N, C-alpha and C. Protein backbone atom coordinates (compact mmCIF):
# COMPACT_ATOMS: atom_id res chain seq x y z
N MET A 1 0.84 -1.19 0.02
CA MET A 1 -0.06 0.03 -0.01
C MET A 1 0.90 1.26 0.01
N LYS A 2 0.63 2.15 -0.93
CA LYS A 2 1.37 3.44 -0.98
C LYS A 2 0.39 4.57 -0.59
N CYS A 3 0.83 5.41 0.38
CA CYS A 3 0.00 6.47 0.81
C CYS A 3 0.18 7.67 -0.11
N SER A 4 -0.93 8.27 -0.43
CA SER A 4 -0.88 9.47 -1.26
C SER A 4 -0.84 10.77 -0.45
N THR A 5 -1.23 10.65 0.83
CA THR A 5 -1.24 11.86 1.68
C THR A 5 -1.05 11.46 3.09
N ILE A 6 -0.40 12.23 3.91
CA ILE A 6 -0.20 11.91 5.31
C ILE A 6 -1.36 12.43 6.12
N LYS A 7 -2.34 13.06 5.46
CA LYS A 7 -3.48 13.60 6.29
C LYS A 7 -4.47 12.54 6.57
N LYS A 8 -4.43 11.41 5.90
CA LYS A 8 -5.33 10.29 6.25
C LYS A 8 -4.73 9.47 7.39
N ASP A 9 -5.62 9.21 8.35
CA ASP A 9 -5.07 8.55 9.59
C ASP A 9 -4.31 7.28 9.28
N GLY A 10 -4.88 6.44 8.41
CA GLY A 10 -4.22 5.20 8.10
C GLY A 10 -2.88 5.34 7.49
N CYS A 11 -2.66 6.28 6.62
CA CYS A 11 -1.42 6.57 5.95
C CYS A 11 -0.44 7.14 6.97
N LEU A 12 -0.88 8.06 7.84
CA LEU A 12 -0.04 8.62 8.82
C LEU A 12 0.53 7.55 9.72
N ALA A 13 -0.30 6.62 10.17
CA ALA A 13 0.14 5.53 11.07
C ALA A 13 1.18 4.71 10.33
N LEU A 14 0.94 4.34 9.09
CA LEU A 14 1.75 3.46 8.29
C LEU A 14 3.20 4.17 8.12
N ILE A 15 3.18 5.39 7.76
CA ILE A 15 4.46 6.11 7.60
C ILE A 15 5.20 6.19 8.94
N ASN A 16 4.58 6.38 10.04
CA ASN A 16 5.25 6.49 11.34
C ASN A 16 5.84 5.12 11.75
N ILE A 17 5.10 4.10 11.48
CA ILE A 17 5.58 2.76 11.83
C ILE A 17 6.81 2.36 10.95
N GLU A 18 6.77 2.67 9.73
CA GLU A 18 7.91 2.39 8.79
C GLU A 18 9.13 3.20 9.17
N GLU A 19 8.94 4.47 9.48
CA GLU A 19 10.04 5.26 9.90
C GLU A 19 10.60 4.74 11.25
N ALA A 20 9.73 4.34 12.13
CA ALA A 20 10.18 3.86 13.40
C ALA A 20 10.93 2.53 13.26
N LYS A 21 10.52 1.70 12.37
CA LYS A 21 11.27 0.43 12.14
C LYS A 21 12.65 0.72 11.60
N LYS A 22 12.78 1.66 10.71
CA LYS A 22 14.11 2.08 10.25
C LYS A 22 14.97 2.67 11.34
N SER A 23 14.36 3.53 12.18
CA SER A 23 15.11 4.08 13.33
C SER A 23 15.57 3.00 14.36
N LEU A 24 14.76 2.01 14.50
CA LEU A 24 15.14 0.88 15.38
C LEU A 24 16.32 0.16 14.81
N LEU A 25 16.26 -0.13 13.59
CA LEU A 25 17.36 -0.94 12.92
C LEU A 25 18.66 -0.14 12.94
N ALA A 26 18.55 1.15 12.91
CA ALA A 26 19.77 2.00 12.91
C ALA A 26 20.47 1.95 14.29
N LEU A 27 19.78 1.37 15.28
CA LEU A 27 20.36 1.29 16.67
C LEU A 27 21.18 -0.02 16.81
N LYS A 28 21.19 -0.82 15.79
CA LYS A 28 21.72 -2.16 15.88
C LYS A 28 23.13 -2.26 16.51
N ASN A 29 24.03 -1.33 16.15
CA ASN A 29 25.44 -1.42 16.59
C ASN A 29 25.75 -0.43 17.74
N LYS A 30 24.73 0.15 18.29
CA LYS A 30 24.97 1.02 19.43
C LYS A 30 25.10 0.31 20.75
N ALA A 31 25.64 0.99 21.71
CA ALA A 31 25.79 0.44 23.03
C ALA A 31 24.35 0.07 23.64
N LYS A 32 24.30 -0.88 24.57
CA LYS A 32 23.01 -1.36 24.95
C LYS A 32 22.10 -0.27 25.60
N PHE A 33 22.74 0.55 26.50
CA PHE A 33 21.95 1.61 27.14
C PHE A 33 21.30 2.55 26.06
N GLU A 34 22.15 2.92 25.06
CA GLU A 34 21.68 3.80 24.01
C GLU A 34 20.56 3.15 23.21
N ARG A 35 20.71 1.90 22.96
CA ARG A 35 19.65 1.15 22.24
C ARG A 35 18.37 1.11 23.03
N MET A 36 18.52 0.90 24.36
CA MET A 36 17.29 0.85 25.17
C MET A 36 16.55 2.17 25.24
N ILE A 37 17.29 3.23 25.55
CA ILE A 37 16.50 4.55 25.70
C ILE A 37 15.98 5.04 24.36
N HIS A 38 16.69 4.77 23.30
CA HIS A 38 16.20 5.26 21.98
C HIS A 38 14.98 4.36 21.56
N THR A 39 15.04 3.09 21.86
CA THR A 39 13.90 2.21 21.60
C THR A 39 12.66 2.68 22.40
N ALA A 40 12.92 2.95 23.66
CA ALA A 40 11.82 3.43 24.55
C ALA A 40 11.25 4.77 24.01
N ALA A 41 12.11 5.62 23.48
CA ALA A 41 11.61 6.92 22.98
C ALA A 41 10.82 6.76 21.70
N ILE A 42 11.26 5.87 20.86
CA ILE A 42 10.52 5.61 19.57
C ILE A 42 9.14 5.03 19.94
N PHE A 43 9.10 4.03 20.88
CA PHE A 43 7.85 3.41 21.32
C PHE A 43 6.96 4.49 21.95
N THR A 44 7.58 5.32 22.80
CA THR A 44 6.76 6.36 23.45
C THR A 44 6.11 7.29 22.45
N GLU A 45 6.87 7.75 21.40
CA GLU A 45 6.33 8.58 20.40
C GLU A 45 5.18 8.01 19.70
N LEU A 46 5.27 6.74 19.37
CA LEU A 46 4.17 6.09 18.68
C LEU A 46 2.99 5.92 19.57
N MET A 47 3.15 5.57 20.82
CA MET A 47 2.06 5.40 21.70
C MET A 47 1.34 6.72 22.07
N GLU A 48 2.14 7.78 22.24
CA GLU A 48 1.51 9.03 22.58
C GLU A 48 0.71 9.63 21.39
N GLN A 49 1.09 9.25 20.15
CA GLN A 49 0.27 9.55 19.02
C GLN A 49 -1.07 8.87 19.02
N ARG A 50 -1.16 7.79 19.81
CA ARG A 50 -2.39 7.00 20.00
C ARG A 50 -2.99 7.34 21.34
N ASN A 51 -2.58 8.47 21.96
CA ASN A 51 -3.20 8.90 23.25
C ASN A 51 -2.96 7.97 24.42
N VAL A 52 -1.78 7.28 24.39
CA VAL A 52 -1.32 6.41 25.51
C VAL A 52 0.02 6.89 25.96
N MET A 53 0.23 7.13 27.27
CA MET A 53 1.49 7.55 27.80
C MET A 53 2.24 6.43 28.51
N PRO A 54 3.28 5.87 27.90
CA PRO A 54 4.06 4.83 28.52
C PRO A 54 5.02 5.45 29.57
N ILE A 55 5.12 4.81 30.72
CA ILE A 55 6.08 5.30 31.76
C ILE A 55 7.10 4.20 32.05
N ILE A 56 8.31 4.55 32.00
CA ILE A 56 9.44 3.60 32.32
C ILE A 56 9.51 3.40 33.84
N VAL A 57 9.49 2.14 34.26
CA VAL A 57 9.63 1.81 35.66
C VAL A 57 10.73 0.75 35.75
N GLY A 58 10.94 0.19 36.97
CA GLY A 58 11.87 -0.90 37.07
C GLY A 58 13.36 -0.55 36.87
N GLY A 59 14.14 -1.55 36.43
CA GLY A 59 15.53 -1.40 36.38
C GLY A 59 16.05 -0.28 35.47
N LEU A 60 15.35 -0.07 34.34
CA LEU A 60 15.81 1.00 33.40
C LEU A 60 15.63 2.38 34.06
N SER A 61 14.61 2.51 34.86
CA SER A 61 14.44 3.82 35.56
C SER A 61 15.61 4.11 36.54
N VAL A 62 16.06 3.04 37.21
CA VAL A 62 17.21 3.15 38.08
C VAL A 62 18.48 3.48 37.30
N GLU A 63 18.61 2.82 36.13
CA GLU A 63 19.79 3.04 35.30
C GLU A 63 19.79 4.53 34.80
N ILE A 64 18.60 5.05 34.43
CA ILE A 64 18.54 6.45 33.96
C ILE A 64 18.90 7.38 35.06
N TYR A 65 18.30 7.17 36.31
CA TYR A 65 18.59 8.08 37.44
C TYR A 65 19.96 7.99 37.91
N THR A 66 20.61 6.82 37.79
CA THR A 66 22.00 6.71 38.24
C THR A 66 23.00 7.05 37.11
N LEU A 67 22.51 7.60 36.01
CA LEU A 67 23.30 8.07 34.90
C LEU A 67 24.16 6.83 34.40
N ASN A 68 23.43 5.76 34.17
CA ASN A 68 24.07 4.53 33.56
C ASN A 68 24.91 3.78 34.57
N GLY A 69 24.81 4.09 35.85
CA GLY A 69 25.57 3.40 36.84
C GLY A 69 25.11 1.94 37.11
N TYR A 70 23.81 1.81 37.06
CA TYR A 70 23.15 0.57 37.27
C TYR A 70 22.91 -0.04 35.88
N THR A 71 22.89 -1.36 35.68
CA THR A 71 22.60 -2.02 34.41
C THR A 71 21.42 -2.92 34.50
N THR A 72 20.65 -2.96 33.40
CA THR A 72 19.45 -3.83 33.34
C THR A 72 19.40 -4.45 32.00
N HIS A 73 18.43 -5.38 31.79
CA HIS A 73 18.43 -6.09 30.54
C HIS A 73 17.10 -6.01 29.75
N ASN A 74 16.18 -5.23 30.29
CA ASN A 74 14.91 -5.00 29.54
C ASN A 74 14.32 -3.72 29.94
N ILE A 75 13.31 -3.34 29.15
CA ILE A 75 12.58 -2.11 29.39
C ILE A 75 11.23 -2.45 29.99
N ASP A 76 10.93 -1.94 31.15
CA ASP A 76 9.60 -2.13 31.81
C ASP A 76 8.79 -0.89 31.71
N PHE A 77 7.55 -1.06 31.14
CA PHE A 77 6.64 0.06 30.99
C PHE A 77 5.40 -0.21 31.80
N VAL A 78 4.77 0.91 32.28
CA VAL A 78 3.35 0.90 32.77
C VAL A 78 2.66 1.77 31.75
N LEU A 79 1.49 1.28 31.33
CA LEU A 79 0.65 2.07 30.42
C LEU A 79 -0.76 1.56 30.38
N ASP A 80 -1.66 2.45 30.13
CA ASP A 80 -3.07 2.07 30.06
C ASP A 80 -3.47 1.98 28.55
N GLY A 81 -3.27 0.84 28.00
CA GLY A 81 -3.52 0.64 26.61
C GLY A 81 -2.77 -0.59 26.08
N TYR A 82 -2.95 -1.72 26.73
CA TYR A 82 -2.20 -2.92 26.41
C TYR A 82 -2.37 -3.38 24.95
N ASP A 83 -3.63 -3.39 24.51
CA ASP A 83 -3.90 -3.83 23.12
C ASP A 83 -3.26 -2.89 22.15
N ILE A 84 -3.27 -1.65 22.39
CA ILE A 84 -2.61 -0.72 21.44
C ILE A 84 -1.12 -0.95 21.45
N ALA A 85 -0.51 -1.17 22.63
CA ALA A 85 0.92 -1.44 22.75
C ALA A 85 1.24 -2.73 21.94
N LYS A 86 0.41 -3.70 22.13
CA LYS A 86 0.63 -5.00 21.39
C LYS A 86 0.70 -4.82 19.88
N ASN A 87 -0.29 -4.03 19.41
CA ASN A 87 -0.29 -3.83 17.95
C ASN A 87 0.90 -3.02 17.46
N VAL A 88 1.32 -2.03 18.23
CA VAL A 88 2.49 -1.26 17.87
C VAL A 88 3.75 -2.08 17.87
N LEU A 89 3.91 -2.97 18.91
CA LEU A 89 5.12 -3.74 19.07
C LEU A 89 5.16 -4.85 18.00
N ASP A 90 4.03 -5.39 17.74
CA ASP A 90 3.97 -6.36 16.61
C ASP A 90 4.32 -5.69 15.34
N SER A 91 3.81 -4.50 15.07
CA SER A 91 4.17 -3.78 13.80
C SER A 91 5.63 -3.44 13.67
N LEU A 92 6.24 -3.22 14.85
CA LEU A 92 7.69 -2.79 14.86
C LEU A 92 8.60 -4.00 14.62
N GLY A 93 8.06 -5.24 14.70
CA GLY A 93 8.89 -6.42 14.54
C GLY A 93 9.29 -7.15 15.83
N PHE A 94 8.67 -6.72 16.93
CA PHE A 94 8.93 -7.40 18.19
C PHE A 94 8.19 -8.72 18.19
N GLU A 95 8.73 -9.73 18.85
CA GLU A 95 8.10 -11.00 18.91
C GLU A 95 7.78 -11.30 20.40
N LYS A 96 6.52 -11.87 20.66
CA LYS A 96 6.18 -12.11 22.03
C LYS A 96 6.69 -13.45 22.49
N VAL A 97 7.48 -13.42 23.58
CA VAL A 97 8.08 -14.62 24.17
C VAL A 97 7.75 -14.53 25.71
N GLY A 98 6.79 -15.34 26.10
CA GLY A 98 6.31 -15.30 27.48
C GLY A 98 5.69 -13.97 27.74
N LYS A 99 6.21 -13.27 28.80
CA LYS A 99 5.60 -11.95 29.18
C LYS A 99 6.28 -10.81 28.43
N ASP A 100 7.31 -11.13 27.68
CA ASP A 100 8.12 -10.05 27.05
C ASP A 100 7.87 -10.00 25.53
N TRP A 101 8.17 -8.81 24.98
CA TRP A 101 8.33 -8.64 23.51
C TRP A 101 9.81 -8.37 23.26
N ILE A 102 10.39 -9.24 22.35
CA ILE A 102 11.76 -9.15 22.04
C ILE A 102 11.96 -8.79 20.56
N HIS A 103 12.86 -7.85 20.30
CA HIS A 103 13.18 -7.50 18.93
C HIS A 103 14.41 -8.27 18.53
N PRO A 104 14.34 -9.28 17.63
CA PRO A 104 15.41 -10.23 17.37
C PRO A 104 16.61 -9.54 16.78
N GLU A 105 16.46 -8.42 16.09
CA GLU A 105 17.58 -7.77 15.39
C GLU A 105 18.39 -6.83 16.19
N ILE A 106 17.66 -6.12 17.10
CA ILE A 106 18.44 -5.13 17.94
C ILE A 106 18.60 -5.64 19.41
N GLY A 107 18.05 -6.87 19.75
CA GLY A 107 18.24 -7.44 21.04
C GLY A 107 17.67 -6.67 22.21
N ILE A 108 16.56 -6.10 22.01
CA ILE A 108 15.91 -5.34 23.07
C ILE A 108 14.65 -6.03 23.50
N SER A 109 14.38 -6.08 24.80
CA SER A 109 13.21 -6.73 25.35
C SER A 109 12.36 -5.68 26.12
N ILE A 110 11.07 -5.81 25.87
CA ILE A 110 10.10 -4.92 26.47
C ILE A 110 9.05 -5.68 27.25
N GLU A 111 8.69 -5.23 28.47
CA GLU A 111 7.66 -5.80 29.23
C GLU A 111 6.68 -4.73 29.65
N ILE A 112 5.35 -5.01 29.50
CA ILE A 112 4.30 -4.16 30.00
C ILE A 112 3.93 -4.64 31.36
N GLN A 113 4.33 -3.99 32.36
CA GLN A 113 4.18 -4.52 33.72
C GLN A 113 2.74 -4.41 34.30
N ASP A 114 2.09 -3.23 33.97
CA ASP A 114 0.80 -3.00 34.61
C ASP A 114 0.12 -1.92 33.78
N ASN A 115 -1.22 -1.74 34.10
CA ASN A 115 -1.99 -0.70 33.44
C ASN A 115 -1.81 0.66 34.15
N TYR A 116 -1.58 0.63 35.44
CA TYR A 116 -1.47 1.83 36.19
C TYR A 116 -0.23 1.92 37.01
N LEU A 117 0.23 3.15 37.19
CA LEU A 117 1.54 3.39 37.93
C LEU A 117 1.29 3.32 39.40
N ALA A 118 2.17 2.49 40.04
CA ALA A 118 2.15 2.42 41.54
C ALA A 118 2.94 3.63 42.07
N GLY A 119 2.38 4.77 41.90
CA GLY A 119 3.07 5.98 42.27
C GLY A 119 2.29 7.16 41.84
N ASP A 120 2.91 8.34 41.92
CA ASP A 120 2.21 9.60 41.61
C ASP A 120 2.55 10.05 40.19
N TYR A 121 1.46 10.13 39.39
CA TYR A 121 1.63 10.51 37.98
C TYR A 121 2.18 11.99 37.94
N GLY A 122 1.91 12.77 38.90
CA GLY A 122 2.35 14.14 38.92
C GLY A 122 3.91 14.25 39.13
N LYS A 123 4.56 13.14 39.56
CA LYS A 123 6.00 13.12 39.79
C LYS A 123 6.74 12.51 38.62
N VAL A 124 6.01 12.04 37.65
CA VAL A 124 6.70 11.43 36.43
C VAL A 124 7.59 12.46 35.81
N THR A 125 8.78 12.02 35.45
CA THR A 125 9.80 12.91 34.88
C THR A 125 9.90 12.71 33.40
N THR A 126 9.88 13.75 32.54
CA THR A 126 10.05 13.66 31.14
C THR A 126 11.52 13.94 30.80
N VAL A 127 12.16 12.96 30.10
CA VAL A 127 13.58 13.06 29.80
C VAL A 127 13.73 13.18 28.27
N PRO A 128 14.43 14.16 27.76
CA PRO A 128 14.65 14.22 26.32
C PRO A 128 15.64 13.15 25.83
N VAL A 129 15.31 12.62 24.66
CA VAL A 129 16.23 11.58 24.04
C VAL A 129 16.31 12.02 22.59
N GLY A 130 17.37 12.79 22.27
CA GLY A 130 17.48 13.24 20.88
C GLY A 130 16.28 14.21 20.64
N THR A 131 15.64 13.96 19.52
CA THR A 131 14.39 14.73 19.21
C THR A 131 13.17 14.18 19.76
N ARG A 132 13.30 13.06 20.57
CA ARG A 132 12.11 12.40 21.13
C ARG A 132 12.25 12.61 22.64
N LYS A 133 11.47 11.80 23.38
CA LYS A 133 11.43 11.88 24.86
C LYS A 133 10.97 10.54 25.47
N ILE A 134 11.23 10.38 26.75
CA ILE A 134 10.75 9.26 27.51
C ILE A 134 10.11 9.82 28.78
N ASN A 135 9.24 9.00 29.38
CA ASN A 135 8.59 9.31 30.60
C ASN A 135 9.08 8.30 31.66
N VAL A 136 9.61 8.84 32.84
CA VAL A 136 10.20 7.95 33.82
C VAL A 136 9.47 8.16 35.13
N ILE A 137 9.25 7.06 35.85
CA ILE A 137 8.57 7.08 37.20
C ILE A 137 9.41 8.10 38.05
N GLY A 138 8.68 8.84 38.93
CA GLY A 138 9.33 9.83 39.76
C GLY A 138 10.40 9.22 40.66
N ILE A 139 11.42 10.00 40.97
CA ILE A 139 12.52 9.50 41.74
C ILE A 139 12.11 9.00 43.12
N GLU A 140 11.08 9.71 43.73
CA GLU A 140 10.63 9.25 45.09
C GLU A 140 10.04 7.87 44.98
N ASP A 141 9.23 7.61 43.92
CA ASP A 141 8.55 6.36 43.84
C ASP A 141 9.47 5.20 43.53
N ILE A 142 10.45 5.48 42.72
CA ILE A 142 11.45 4.39 42.48
C ILE A 142 12.28 4.02 43.68
N ILE A 143 12.60 5.07 44.49
CA ILE A 143 13.34 4.82 45.70
C ILE A 143 12.46 4.05 46.65
N LEU A 144 11.17 4.43 46.79
CA LEU A 144 10.22 3.64 47.63
C LEU A 144 10.09 2.28 47.19
N ASP A 145 10.06 2.00 45.92
CA ASP A 145 9.97 0.64 45.42
C ASP A 145 11.19 -0.20 45.86
N ARG A 146 12.35 0.39 45.72
CA ARG A 146 13.61 -0.27 46.15
C ARG A 146 13.58 -0.51 47.67
N LEU A 147 13.17 0.49 48.40
CA LEU A 147 13.14 0.44 49.88
C LEU A 147 12.20 -0.74 50.29
N ARG A 148 10.99 -0.83 49.65
CA ARG A 148 10.06 -1.93 50.01
C ARG A 148 10.68 -3.30 49.71
N ALA A 149 11.41 -3.41 48.58
CA ALA A 149 11.99 -4.65 48.23
C ALA A 149 13.14 -4.99 49.19
N ALA A 150 13.85 -4.00 49.70
CA ALA A 150 14.89 -4.30 50.69
C ALA A 150 14.24 -4.72 52.04
N VAL A 151 13.19 -4.08 52.40
CA VAL A 151 12.58 -4.46 53.74
C VAL A 151 11.79 -5.78 53.65
N HIS A 152 10.99 -5.98 52.68
CA HIS A 152 10.05 -7.09 52.62
C HIS A 152 10.63 -8.34 51.96
N TRP A 153 11.59 -8.13 51.01
CA TRP A 153 12.16 -9.31 50.33
C TRP A 153 13.64 -9.51 50.68
N LYS A 154 14.12 -8.63 51.68
CA LYS A 154 15.48 -8.78 52.13
C LYS A 154 16.46 -8.67 50.96
N SER A 155 16.18 -7.80 49.99
CA SER A 155 17.03 -7.67 48.83
C SER A 155 18.19 -6.74 49.06
N ALA A 156 19.39 -7.24 49.17
CA ALA A 156 20.55 -6.45 49.39
C ALA A 156 20.84 -5.51 48.16
N GLN A 157 20.56 -6.01 47.02
CA GLN A 157 20.80 -5.16 45.81
C GLN A 157 19.84 -3.95 45.75
N ASP A 158 18.60 -4.22 46.13
CA ASP A 158 17.62 -3.12 46.14
C ASP A 158 17.95 -2.14 47.20
N ARG A 159 18.45 -2.65 48.33
CA ARG A 159 18.85 -1.68 49.42
C ARG A 159 20.00 -0.84 48.98
N GLU A 160 21.03 -1.48 48.35
CA GLU A 160 22.17 -0.74 47.78
C GLU A 160 21.76 0.33 46.85
N TRP A 161 21.01 -0.04 45.84
CA TRP A 161 20.69 0.94 44.80
C TRP A 161 19.61 1.97 45.23
N GLY A 162 18.76 1.50 46.08
CA GLY A 162 17.75 2.44 46.66
C GLY A 162 18.42 3.51 47.42
N TYR A 163 19.45 3.12 48.29
CA TYR A 163 20.14 4.15 49.08
C TYR A 163 21.00 4.99 48.13
N ARG A 164 21.61 4.45 47.17
CA ARG A 164 22.47 5.25 46.23
C ARG A 164 21.61 6.33 45.61
N LEU A 165 20.42 5.92 45.11
CA LEU A 165 19.52 6.92 44.53
C LEU A 165 19.11 7.99 45.61
N TYR A 166 18.82 7.58 46.80
CA TYR A 166 18.42 8.46 47.86
C TYR A 166 19.57 9.45 48.15
N LEU A 167 20.75 8.98 48.20
CA LEU A 167 21.92 9.83 48.46
C LEU A 167 22.17 10.82 47.26
N MET A 168 22.05 10.36 46.07
CA MET A 168 22.31 11.16 44.83
C MET A 168 21.30 12.34 44.78
N TYR A 169 20.07 12.02 45.14
CA TYR A 169 18.98 13.07 45.02
C TYR A 169 18.52 13.60 46.34
N PHE A 170 19.33 13.44 47.36
CA PHE A 170 18.96 13.76 48.72
C PHE A 170 18.43 15.21 48.86
N GLU A 171 19.06 16.17 48.20
CA GLU A 171 18.71 17.56 48.26
C GLU A 171 17.35 17.90 47.55
N ASP A 172 16.96 17.05 46.66
CA ASP A 172 15.81 17.32 45.77
C ASP A 172 14.58 16.51 46.09
N ILE A 173 14.74 15.46 46.91
CA ILE A 173 13.67 14.52 47.20
C ILE A 173 12.58 15.20 47.95
N ASP A 174 11.33 14.95 47.65
CA ASP A 174 10.14 15.34 48.41
C ASP A 174 9.97 14.39 49.63
N SER A 175 10.60 14.77 50.75
CA SER A 175 10.60 13.89 51.92
C SER A 175 9.16 13.66 52.49
N ASP A 176 8.36 14.74 52.47
CA ASP A 176 7.04 14.65 53.00
C ASP A 176 6.21 13.61 52.23
N TYR A 177 6.40 13.63 50.86
CA TYR A 177 5.68 12.66 49.99
C TYR A 177 6.12 11.28 50.36
N MET A 178 7.44 11.02 50.48
CA MET A 178 7.89 9.71 50.73
C MET A 178 7.39 9.18 52.07
N GLU A 179 7.47 10.05 53.11
CA GLU A 179 6.97 9.60 54.38
C GLU A 179 5.47 9.28 54.38
N SER A 180 4.74 10.00 53.57
CA SER A 180 3.30 9.80 53.52
C SER A 180 2.93 8.42 52.86
N LYS A 181 3.83 7.86 52.13
CA LYS A 181 3.63 6.62 51.41
C LYS A 181 4.17 5.38 52.09
N LEU A 182 4.83 5.58 53.21
CA LEU A 182 5.36 4.46 54.00
C LEU A 182 4.21 3.66 54.67
N GLU A 183 4.24 2.37 54.56
CA GLU A 183 3.09 1.53 54.96
C GLU A 183 3.35 0.76 56.25
N THR A 184 4.60 0.50 56.60
CA THR A 184 4.83 -0.30 57.75
C THR A 184 5.94 0.39 58.64
N THR A 185 6.03 -0.11 59.91
CA THR A 185 7.06 0.45 60.80
C THR A 185 8.46 0.09 60.24
N ALA A 186 8.62 -1.13 59.68
CA ALA A 186 9.87 -1.51 59.12
C ALA A 186 10.35 -0.56 58.02
N GLU A 187 9.40 -0.17 57.14
CA GLU A 187 9.71 0.83 56.11
C GLU A 187 10.15 2.16 56.68
N LYS A 188 9.49 2.62 57.67
CA LYS A 188 9.75 3.86 58.36
C LYS A 188 11.17 3.89 58.94
N LEU A 189 11.50 2.72 59.60
CA LEU A 189 12.80 2.55 60.26
C LEU A 189 13.93 2.52 59.17
N GLU A 190 13.65 1.88 58.00
CA GLU A 190 14.58 1.81 56.93
C GLU A 190 14.84 3.17 56.42
N LEU A 191 13.82 3.95 56.19
CA LEU A 191 14.01 5.30 55.58
C LEU A 191 14.71 6.18 56.59
N GLU A 192 14.44 6.02 57.88
CA GLU A 192 15.18 6.78 58.89
C GLU A 192 16.66 6.50 58.86
N ARG A 193 17.00 5.22 58.65
CA ARG A 193 18.44 4.90 58.59
C ARG A 193 19.09 5.54 57.37
N TRP A 194 18.35 5.48 56.28
CA TRP A 194 18.86 6.10 55.05
C TRP A 194 19.07 7.62 55.21
N TYR A 195 18.07 8.23 55.84
CA TYR A 195 18.13 9.71 56.04
C TYR A 195 19.36 10.03 56.93
N LYS A 196 19.55 9.34 58.02
CA LYS A 196 20.69 9.64 58.94
C LYS A 196 22.04 9.50 58.24
N LYS A 197 22.12 8.35 57.45
CA LYS A 197 23.32 8.09 56.73
C LYS A 197 23.64 9.10 55.66
N ALA A 198 22.58 9.45 54.89
CA ALA A 198 22.72 10.43 53.82
C ALA A 198 22.96 11.82 54.32
N ASN A 199 22.31 12.16 55.40
CA ASN A 199 22.61 13.47 56.06
C ASN A 199 24.02 13.59 56.53
N TYR A 200 24.56 12.49 57.11
CA TYR A 200 25.89 12.47 57.55
C TYR A 200 26.88 12.63 56.37
N GLU A 201 26.62 11.85 55.28
CA GLU A 201 27.46 11.92 54.09
C GLU A 201 27.50 13.34 53.52
N ASN A 202 26.35 13.94 53.49
CA ASN A 202 26.30 15.33 52.92
C ASN A 202 26.93 16.32 53.82
N SER A 203 26.91 16.13 55.10
CA SER A 203 27.52 17.09 56.04
C SER A 203 29.04 17.09 55.94
N LYS A 204 29.63 15.97 55.39
CA LYS A 204 31.04 15.94 55.25
C LYS A 204 31.56 16.71 54.08
N ASP A 205 30.66 17.03 53.14
CA ASP A 205 31.12 17.75 51.92
C ASP A 205 31.32 19.19 52.16
């Protein structure tokens, strides 16, 4: 099918998908982090044209906030529009394997974790990626996610990276918001330990 005008919805969608596929393939020899954020940005652009806002959560959000200090192997999104996402990913050449979509040529894996964000939509951060952008879960919510994993799952890795994020963004964090979201005494005690430690580290500078 050849489109005669981009003013027709069907033609506009076809052109965008084809351009997106070319942009994805151009990432083939890039470093993994670059492939991941540009893939996320391409997907975000296509989804927002369809009135769906994907939000990056999970490991990639930690990697973004730690300026590539943390490493992860897939892109986790939260979005309200699973069927639309499925159609877009299928059209882009991703293949469904279990709960993930994997692009066999660029080696990128995407998972749609949930319909709704377990956090505050008002704290979602928009990050520019070239001429595109990505939406990332708020720093307070990703720290809280790591803190809960440290407390309830005894995850040493989540404790380490949760605290690193807390220390990095100590001056900017909305402490009142974080405290309002704590659910158990154990979580409160963990955050108190992080606060005392981070406050001490900052006082030495």
